[in-house]
């Protein structure tokens, strides 16, 4: 099963470009062109990763990030034209997991998404059913 990614950006040209690039790299794409639609889609579709723009009318990326964090810990990658360390720190503190500055080479974007996918996949797919603990190797045995 492909990893589903929700892209939230008020610019349809950006979401369409991301859609083409990411589909070509094996991702399933969901699109929202407003913060409110993005929150609704995140809640309904439960994507594995969210790509979020910061500068959007009505509801900015900080508001969207905080609203999404209320109901999920899905990784959020910020993709923004803002290249200010204070902004980066602010949105990471608000709950985002990664930050890239537009324009970003598609290979770099895909590498960051793969990193997030690996990290969350490892957390969700632990081989707990296949673990066999022997009394001599169990850390709590005496």
Protein backbone atom coordinates (compact mmCIF):
# COMPACT_ATOMS: atom_id res chain seq x y z
CA UNK A 1 0.00 0.00 0.00
CA UNK A 2 1.32 3.44 -0.94
CA UNK A 3 1.77 6.15 1.66
CA UNK A 4 -1.02 8.74 1.54
CA UNK A 5 0.09 12.35 1.72
CA UNK A 6 -2.19 15.32 2.24
CA UNK A 7 -0.94 18.56 0.69
CA UNK A 8 -2.47 21.73 2.10
CA UNK A 9 -1.69 24.89 0.14
CA UNK A 10 -3.92 27.72 -1.05
CA UNK A 11 -2.19 27.76 -4.46
CA UNK A 12 -3.74 25.09 -6.75
CA UNK A 13 -0.67 25.23 -9.01
CA UNK A 14 1.52 24.14 -6.07
CA UNK A 15 -0.80 21.31 -4.99
CA UNK A 16 -1.04 20.10 -8.60
CA UNK A 17 2.75 20.18 -9.05
CA UNK A 18 3.25 18.31 -5.76
CA UNK A 19 0.63 15.81 -6.83
CA UNK A 20 2.44 15.05 -10.09
CA UNK A 21 5.87 14.78 -8.44
CA UNK A 22 4.71 12.66 -5.53
CA UNK A 23 2.52 10.30 -7.56
CA UNK A 24 5.52 9.67 -9.82
CA UNK A 25 7.39 8.62 -6.67
CA UNK A 26 4.75 6.15 -5.51
CA UNK A 27 2.74 8.26 -3.06
CA UNK A 28 -1.05 8.54 -2.93
CA UNK A 29 -2.07 12.20 -2.83
CA UNK A 30 -4.91 14.07 -1.15
CA UNK A 31 -5.29 17.79 -1.85
CA UNK A 32 -6.76 20.65 0.15
CA UNK A 33 -6.57 24.27 -0.98
CA UNK A 34 -7.54 25.87 2.33
CA UNK A 35 -6.68 25.33 5.96
CA UNK A 36 -10.24 24.43 6.88
CA UNK A 37 -10.48 21.85 4.06
CA UNK A 38 -7.10 20.49 5.10
CA UNK A 39 -8.19 19.93 8.69
CA UNK A 40 -11.40 18.26 7.53
CA UNK A 41 -9.51 16.00 5.08
CA UNK A 42 -6.89 15.11 7.69
CA UNK A 43 -9.61 14.09 10.14
CA UNK A 44 -11.64 12.11 7.57
CA UNK A 45 -8.89 10.44 5.51
CA UNK A 46 -6.12 10.09 8.13
CA UNK A 47 -3.12 10.51 5.78
CA UNK A 48 0.29 9.17 6.81
CA UNK A 49 2.04 12.54 6.18
CA UNK A 50 0.85 16.14 5.75
CA UNK A 51 2.65 18.76 3.64
CA UNK A 52 1.55 22.19 4.86
CA UNK A 53 2.09 25.73 3.60
CA UNK A 54 2.32 28.50 6.20
CA UNK A 55 1.06 31.56 4.35
CA UNK A 56 -2.59 30.98 3.53
CA UNK A 57 -5.56 33.34 3.79
CA UNK A 58 -8.24 32.83 6.42
CA UNK A 59 -6.35 30.13 8.32
CA UNK A 60 -2.55 30.10 8.31
CA UNK A 61 -0.25 27.11 8.71
CA UNK A 62 0.26 27.66 12.45
CA UNK A 63 -3.50 27.45 13.04
CA UNK A 64 -3.82 24.37 10.84
CA UNK A 65 -0.87 22.65 12.53
CA UNK A 66 -2.28 23.28 16.01
CA UNK A 67 -5.77 22.12 14.96
CA UNK A 68 -4.42 18.90 13.42
CA UNK A 69 -2.33 18.18 16.52
CA UNK A 70 -5.54 18.04 18.57
CA UNK A 71 -6.57 14.76 16.90
CA UNK A 72 -3.46 13.17 15.35
CA UNK A 73 0.31 12.90 15.61
CA UNK A 74 0.75 12.39 11.86
CA UNK A 75 4.07 13.88 10.66
CA UNK A 76 3.70 17.42 9.30
CA UNK A 77 6.26 18.71 6.83
CA UNK A 78 6.16 22.47 6.33
CA UNK A 79 6.84 23.62 2.77
CA UNK A 80 7.08 27.41 2.82
CA UNK A 81 8.69 30.34 1.05
CA UNK A 82 9.57 31.80 4.47
CA UNK A 83 13.27 31.32 5.18
CA UNK A 84 13.58 32.81 8.65
CA UNK A 85 15.01 30.82 11.59
CA UNK A 86 12.47 32.41 13.95
CA UNK A 87 9.60 31.20 11.75
CA UNK A 88 11.11 27.72 11.50
CA UNK A 89 11.51 27.50 15.29
CA UNK A 90 7.98 28.82 15.83
CA UNK A 91 6.24 26.25 13.63
CA UNK A 92 8.39 23.37 14.90
CA UNK A 93 7.39 24.39 18.43
CA UNK A 94 3.74 24.47 17.28
CA UNK A 95 3.94 20.79 16.32
CA UNK A 96 5.47 20.47 12.85
CA UNK A 97 8.05 17.72 12.32
CA UNK A 98 10.13 19.06 9.42
CA UNK A 99 10.62 22.26 7.41
CA UNK A 100 11.69 22.87 3.81
CA UNK A 101 11.98 26.19 1.97
CA UNK A 102 10.35 26.66 -1.46
CA UNK A 103 11.55 26.10 -4.05
CA UNK A 104 12.93 22.73 -3.06
CA UNK A 105 14.38 20.15 -5.45
CA UNK A 106 11.92 17.29 -5.86
CA UNK A 107 14.57 14.72 -4.85
CA UNK A 108 15.10 16.54 -1.55
CA UNK A 109 11.36 16.70 -0.89
CA UNK A 110 10.96 12.98 -1.62
CA UNK A 111 13.96 12.16 0.62
CA UNK A 112 12.39 14.08 3.52
CA UNK A 113 9.06 12.34 2.97
CA UNK A 114 10.78 8.96 2.87
CA UNK A 115 12.54 9.82 6.13
CA UNK A 116 9.20 10.65 7.77
CA UNK A 117 7.64 7.51 6.32
CA UNK A 118 10.47 5.33 7.64
CA UNK A 119 10.29 6.92 11.06
CA UNK A 120 6.53 6.55 11.41
CA UNK A 121 6.47 3.16 9.72
CA UNK A 122 8.94 1.84 12.26
CA UNK A 123 6.70 3.10 15.05
CA UNK A 124 3.53 1.60 13.61
CA UNK A 125 4.93 -1.71 12.34
CA UNK A 126 6.92 -3.04 15.26
CA UNK A 127 7.33 -6.81 15.02
CA UNK A 128 5.84 -7.37 18.50
CA UNK A 129 4.17 -10.64 17.53
CA UNK A 130 7.47 -12.11 16.35
CA UNK A 131 9.51 -11.27 19.44
CA UNK A 132 10.49 -14.23 21.60
CA UNK A 133 12.02 -13.45 24.96
CA UNK A 134 14.08 -16.14 26.63
CA UNK A 135 14.50 -16.01 30.39
CA UNK A 136 18.25 -15.61 30.04
CA UNK A 137 17.96 -12.59 27.73
CA UNK A 138 14.99 -10.80 29.21
CA UNK A 139 16.24 -7.54 30.73
CA UNK A 140 14.16 -8.00 33.90
CA UNK A 141 15.06 -11.61 34.61
CA UNK A 142 17.16 -12.52 37.61
